[in-house]
Structure formats: C-alpha cells, structure tokens
Amino acid sequence: MCLSIPSKVVKIDKEKNIATVDTMGVKREAGLDLMEEGSVKIGDYVLLHIGFVMEKIDESYALEALETYQEILDKMNEEDRQRAILEDDECPNREIT
C-alpha cells in the first residue's frame, strides 16, 4: 500500500522539472510533470505518488496531517518508523542526501 505523506517543497529545478521536497525530515526529489507549469512553488505542501508530485494541498491540512502521522510514528519502534518514512515496495522514491 502506498501512503502519501504531505511534503514541503524546499527547492525547484526548472531545467529538470523536479522539486526537492522534505517529508518529515527526509529530502527527496519528485518530478513535476503531472502539475501545471508554475503551479508549485517553494514553501508549498504537496502529495507524492511513485516519485511525482500529484497534488498541491492546503498548508493547514498538511500540518494537521503531519501531526497525526507524527502521533502514529511515536507509537512505533525505530525500525518500523524508519521503514514507514523511507521504504515502500510499491512506491519507489528517489532519496537524496
């Protein structure tokens, strides 16, 4: 199952048409090919699917959802917590350092 956690856009590379997003402290690249040109800006919150930004979402909704996700993560052990954020067989992502 794929779980799309709200991610904040921290950088945009217009030449490559990709955004760098921060998902609960993990930075990764996501393609912007599914979004209208110029519709996503630095500071926006977005949802990702299979390495692409699929939707821009309201900041208040994003922050509320992130708070809920954090409550869930707080109840998990460290290994499960990392897997929930970083790994998913059906939803590959391109993590960057």
N, C-alpha and C. Protein backbone atom coordinates (compact mmCIF):
# COMPACT_ATOMS: atom_id res chain seq x y z
N MET A 1 0.85 -1.17 0.00
CA MET A 1 0.00 0.00 0.00
C MET A 1 0.89 1.23 0.00
N CYS A 2 0.46 2.24 -0.69
CA CYS A 2 1.22 3.48 -0.77
C CYS A 2 0.54 4.54 0.09
N LEU A 3 1.33 5.18 0.93
CA LEU A 3 0.82 6.22 1.82
C LEU A 3 1.48 7.53 1.43
N SER A 4 0.72 8.49 1.03
CA SER A 4 1.28 9.78 0.62
C SER A 4 1.26 10.74 1.81
N ILE A 5 2.44 11.03 2.34
CA ILE A 5 2.60 11.93 3.47
C ILE A 5 2.85 13.33 2.93
N PRO A 6 2.16 14.35 3.44
CA PRO A 6 2.41 15.71 2.95
C PRO A 6 3.90 16.05 3.03
N SER A 7 4.39 16.67 1.97
CA SER A 7 5.79 17.04 1.86
C SER A 7 5.89 18.51 1.49
N LYS A 8 6.88 19.19 2.04
CA LYS A 8 7.07 20.62 1.78
C LYS A 8 8.12 20.81 0.68
N VAL A 9 7.81 21.61 -0.32
CA VAL A 9 8.74 21.90 -1.40
C VAL A 9 9.81 22.85 -0.87
N VAL A 10 11.08 22.42 -0.98
CA VAL A 10 12.18 23.24 -0.47
C VAL A 10 13.08 23.77 -1.59
N LYS A 11 12.94 23.20 -2.79
CA LYS A 11 13.75 23.64 -3.93
C LYS A 11 13.06 23.20 -5.22
N ILE A 12 13.20 24.00 -6.27
CA ILE A 12 12.67 23.64 -7.58
C ILE A 12 13.76 23.82 -8.61
N ASP A 13 13.95 22.80 -9.43
CA ASP A 13 14.89 22.85 -10.55
C ASP A 13 14.05 22.91 -11.82
N LYS A 14 13.87 24.12 -12.35
CA LYS A 14 13.02 24.30 -13.52
C LYS A 14 13.59 23.61 -14.75
N GLU A 15 14.91 23.55 -14.85
CA GLU A 15 15.54 22.92 -16.00
C GLU A 15 15.23 21.43 -16.06
N LYS A 16 15.28 20.75 -14.92
CA LYS A 16 15.00 19.32 -14.85
C LYS A 16 13.53 19.02 -14.56
N ASN A 17 12.75 20.06 -14.24
CA ASN A 17 11.34 19.95 -13.89
C ASN A 17 11.13 19.01 -12.70
N ILE A 18 11.95 19.23 -11.66
CA ILE A 18 11.82 18.45 -10.43
C ILE A 18 11.81 19.38 -9.22
N ALA A 19 11.20 18.89 -8.17
CA ALA A 19 11.19 19.61 -6.89
C ALA A 19 11.91 18.75 -5.87
N THR A 20 12.63 19.41 -4.97
CA THR A 20 13.15 18.73 -3.81
C THR A 20 12.15 18.99 -2.69
N VAL A 21 11.70 17.92 -2.06
CA VAL A 21 10.69 18.04 -1.01
C VAL A 21 11.22 17.46 0.28
N ASP A 22 10.69 17.97 1.37
CA ASP A 22 11.03 17.48 2.71
C ASP A 22 9.82 16.76 3.26
N THR A 23 10.00 15.45 3.50
CA THR A 23 8.93 14.63 4.06
C THR A 23 9.35 14.22 5.47
N MET A 24 8.91 14.95 6.44
CA MET A 24 9.20 14.66 7.84
C MET A 24 10.71 14.51 8.07
N GLY A 25 11.47 15.43 7.49
CA GLY A 25 12.91 15.44 7.68
C GLY A 25 13.71 14.68 6.64
N VAL A 26 13.05 13.95 5.77
CA VAL A 26 13.72 13.21 4.70
C VAL A 26 13.55 13.98 3.40
N LYS A 27 14.66 14.31 2.75
CA LYS A 27 14.59 15.06 1.49
C LYS A 27 14.70 14.09 0.32
N ARG A 28 13.87 14.33 -0.69
CA ARG A 28 13.87 13.52 -1.90
C ARG A 28 13.44 14.38 -3.07
N GLU A 29 13.75 13.90 -4.26
CA GLU A 29 13.34 14.60 -5.47
C GLU A 29 12.03 14.02 -5.97
N ALA A 30 11.21 14.87 -6.57
CA ALA A 30 9.94 14.43 -7.14
C ALA A 30 9.70 15.19 -8.43
N GLY A 31 9.29 14.47 -9.45
CA GLY A 31 9.01 15.08 -10.75
C GLY A 31 7.78 15.98 -10.69
N LEU A 32 7.82 17.01 -11.51
CA LEU A 32 6.70 17.96 -11.58
C LEU A 32 5.88 17.80 -12.87
N ASP A 33 6.11 16.71 -13.59
CA ASP A 33 5.47 16.50 -14.89
C ASP A 33 3.95 16.42 -14.84
N LEU A 34 3.39 16.05 -13.70
CA LEU A 34 1.93 15.92 -13.59
C LEU A 34 1.25 17.21 -13.15
N MET A 35 2.05 18.24 -12.91
CA MET A 35 1.49 19.51 -12.43
C MET A 35 1.57 20.57 -13.53
N GLU A 36 0.65 21.51 -13.49
CA GLU A 36 0.68 22.62 -14.43
C GLU A 36 1.94 23.45 -14.17
N GLU A 37 2.61 23.87 -15.22
CA GLU A 37 3.84 24.62 -15.09
C GLU A 37 3.64 25.86 -14.22
N GLY A 38 4.51 26.03 -13.24
CA GLY A 38 4.47 27.19 -12.36
C GLY A 38 3.47 27.09 -11.22
N SER A 39 2.72 25.99 -11.14
CA SER A 39 1.69 25.89 -10.10
C SER A 39 2.26 25.51 -8.74
N VAL A 40 3.45 24.94 -8.71
CA VAL A 40 4.08 24.53 -7.45
C VAL A 40 5.25 25.46 -7.17
N LYS A 41 5.26 25.99 -5.95
CA LYS A 41 6.30 26.95 -5.56
C LYS A 41 6.99 26.49 -4.28
N ILE A 42 8.17 27.02 -4.04
CA ILE A 42 8.88 26.73 -2.80
C ILE A 42 7.99 27.14 -1.63
N GLY A 43 7.89 26.26 -0.65
CA GLY A 43 7.05 26.50 0.53
C GLY A 43 5.69 25.83 0.44
N ASP A 44 5.29 25.40 -0.76
CA ASP A 44 4.01 24.69 -0.91
C ASP A 44 4.10 23.30 -0.30
N TYR A 45 2.96 22.78 0.11
CA TYR A 45 2.86 21.40 0.55
C TYR A 45 2.21 20.59 -0.56
N VAL A 46 2.76 19.39 -0.80
CA VAL A 46 2.30 18.56 -1.91
C VAL A 46 2.17 17.11 -1.46
N LEU A 47 1.46 16.33 -2.27
CA LEU A 47 1.39 14.88 -2.10
C LEU A 47 2.13 14.24 -3.26
N LEU A 48 2.85 13.15 -2.98
CA LEU A 48 3.64 12.45 -3.98
C LEU A 48 3.06 11.08 -4.25
N HIS A 49 3.31 10.60 -5.47
CA HIS A 49 2.98 9.22 -5.82
C HIS A 49 4.00 8.74 -6.83
N ILE A 50 4.62 7.61 -6.57
CA ILE A 50 5.65 6.99 -7.40
C ILE A 50 6.68 7.99 -7.95
N GLY A 51 7.10 8.90 -7.09
CA GLY A 51 8.16 9.83 -7.46
C GLY A 51 7.72 11.10 -8.16
N PHE A 52 6.43 11.36 -8.21
CA PHE A 52 5.91 12.57 -8.85
C PHE A 52 5.01 13.34 -7.89
N VAL A 53 5.05 14.66 -7.98
CA VAL A 53 4.09 15.49 -7.28
C VAL A 53 2.77 15.29 -7.99
N MET A 54 1.74 14.89 -7.24
CA MET A 54 0.45 14.65 -7.87
C MET A 54 -0.61 15.68 -7.48
N GLU A 55 -0.35 16.41 -6.38
CA GLU A 55 -1.35 17.38 -5.94
C GLU A 55 -0.73 18.36 -4.96
N LYS A 56 -1.12 19.62 -5.07
CA LYS A 56 -0.74 20.64 -4.09
C LYS A 56 -1.87 20.69 -3.07
N ILE A 57 -1.51 20.78 -1.77
CA ILE A 57 -2.54 20.78 -0.74
C ILE A 57 -2.41 22.00 0.17
N ASP A 58 -3.49 22.29 0.85
CA ASP A 58 -3.56 23.42 1.76
C ASP A 58 -2.60 23.22 2.93
N GLU A 59 -1.89 24.28 3.32
CA GLU A 59 -0.91 24.19 4.40
C GLU A 59 -1.53 23.75 5.72
N SER A 60 -2.69 24.26 6.06
CA SER A 60 -3.30 23.89 7.35
C SER A 60 -3.66 22.41 7.36
N TYR A 61 -4.16 21.88 6.24
CA TYR A 61 -4.45 20.45 6.15
C TYR A 61 -3.16 19.65 6.26
N ALA A 62 -2.12 20.09 5.56
CA ALA A 62 -0.83 19.39 5.59
C ALA A 62 -0.28 19.31 7.01
N LEU A 63 -0.30 20.42 7.72
CA LEU A 63 0.24 20.45 9.08
C LEU A 63 -0.57 19.57 10.03
N GLU A 64 -1.88 19.57 9.85
CA GLU A 64 -2.74 18.71 10.67
C GLU A 64 -2.45 17.24 10.38
N ALA A 65 -2.30 16.89 9.11
CA ALA A 65 -1.99 15.50 8.73
C ALA A 65 -0.62 15.09 9.26
N LEU A 66 0.36 15.99 9.16
CA LEU A 66 1.70 15.67 9.67
C LEU A 66 1.70 15.44 11.17
N GLU A 67 0.87 16.19 11.88
CA GLU A 67 0.75 15.99 13.33
C GLU A 67 0.19 14.60 13.63
N THR A 68 -0.80 14.19 12.86
CA THR A 68 -1.39 12.86 13.04
C THR A 68 -0.36 11.77 12.71
N TYR A 69 0.36 11.94 11.59
CA TYR A 69 1.40 10.97 11.24
C TYR A 69 2.45 10.87 12.34
N GLN A 70 2.82 12.00 12.92
CA GLN A 70 3.82 12.00 13.98
C GLN A 70 3.32 11.23 15.20
N GLU A 71 2.05 11.38 15.52
CA GLU A 71 1.48 10.62 16.64
C GLU A 71 1.56 9.12 16.38
N ILE A 72 1.31 8.71 15.14
CA ILE A 72 1.41 7.30 14.77
C ILE A 72 2.86 6.84 14.88
N LEU A 73 3.77 7.62 14.33
CA LEU A 73 5.19 7.26 14.37
C LEU A 73 5.71 7.15 15.79
N ASP A 74 5.23 8.00 16.66
CA ASP A 74 5.67 7.98 18.07
C ASP A 74 5.33 6.67 18.76
N LYS A 75 4.33 5.96 18.26
CA LYS A 75 3.91 4.70 18.85
C LYS A 75 4.65 3.50 18.25
N MET A 76 5.47 3.74 17.21
CA MET A 76 6.18 2.65 16.54
C MET A 76 7.61 2.53 17.08
N ASN A 77 8.20 1.34 16.91
CA ASN A 77 9.61 1.21 17.27
C ASN A 77 10.45 1.86 16.15
N GLU A 78 11.73 2.07 16.42
CA GLU A 78 12.59 2.83 15.49
C GLU A 78 12.67 2.19 14.11
N GLU A 79 12.81 0.88 14.04
CA GLU A 79 12.92 0.21 12.75
C GLU A 79 11.65 0.40 11.91
N ASP A 80 10.50 0.20 12.51
CA ASP A 80 9.24 0.39 11.80
C ASP A 80 9.04 1.85 11.41
N ARG A 81 9.46 2.76 12.26
CA ARG A 81 9.34 4.19 11.99
C ARG A 81 10.14 4.57 10.74
N GLN A 82 11.39 4.13 10.67
CA GLN A 82 12.22 4.43 9.51
C GLN A 82 11.64 3.82 8.24
N ARG A 83 11.17 2.59 8.33
CA ARG A 83 10.58 1.92 7.16
C ARG A 83 9.34 2.68 6.68
N ALA A 84 8.54 3.17 7.59
CA ALA A 84 7.32 3.89 7.22
C ALA A 84 7.63 5.17 6.45
N ILE A 85 8.74 5.82 6.78
CA ILE A 85 9.09 7.07 6.13
C ILE A 85 9.91 6.84 4.87
N LEU A 86 10.86 5.90 4.91
CA LEU A 86 11.83 5.75 3.83
C LEU A 86 11.50 4.69 2.80
N GLU A 87 10.90 3.59 3.21
CA GLU A 87 10.76 2.45 2.32
C GLU A 87 9.30 2.16 1.99
N ASP A 88 9.09 1.70 0.74
CA ASP A 88 7.79 1.21 0.33
C ASP A 88 7.98 0.53 -1.02
N ASP A 89 7.76 -0.78 -1.08
CA ASP A 89 7.99 -1.54 -2.30
C ASP A 89 7.17 -1.04 -3.48
N GLU A 90 5.96 -0.59 -3.23
CA GLU A 90 5.07 -0.20 -4.32
C GLU A 90 5.21 1.27 -4.68
N CYS A 91 5.92 2.04 -3.91
CA CYS A 91 6.02 3.48 -4.14
C CYS A 91 7.47 3.93 -4.06
N PRO A 92 8.27 3.60 -5.08
CA PRO A 92 9.69 3.99 -5.01
C PRO A 92 9.85 5.49 -4.96
N ASN A 93 10.89 5.94 -4.28
CA ASN A 93 11.19 7.36 -4.24
C ASN A 93 12.67 7.53 -4.50
N ARG A 94 13.05 8.71 -4.85
CA ARG A 94 14.44 9.00 -5.13
C ARG A 94 14.97 9.85 -4.00
N GLU A 95 15.49 9.19 -2.96
CA GLU A 95 16.03 9.90 -1.81
C GLU A 95 17.34 10.59 -2.20
N ILE A 96 17.55 11.78 -1.70
CA ILE A 96 18.80 12.50 -1.96
C ILE A 96 19.48 12.80 -0.64
N THR A 97 20.76 13.06 -0.70
CA THR A 97 21.49 13.38 0.52
C THR A 97 21.80 14.85 0.58
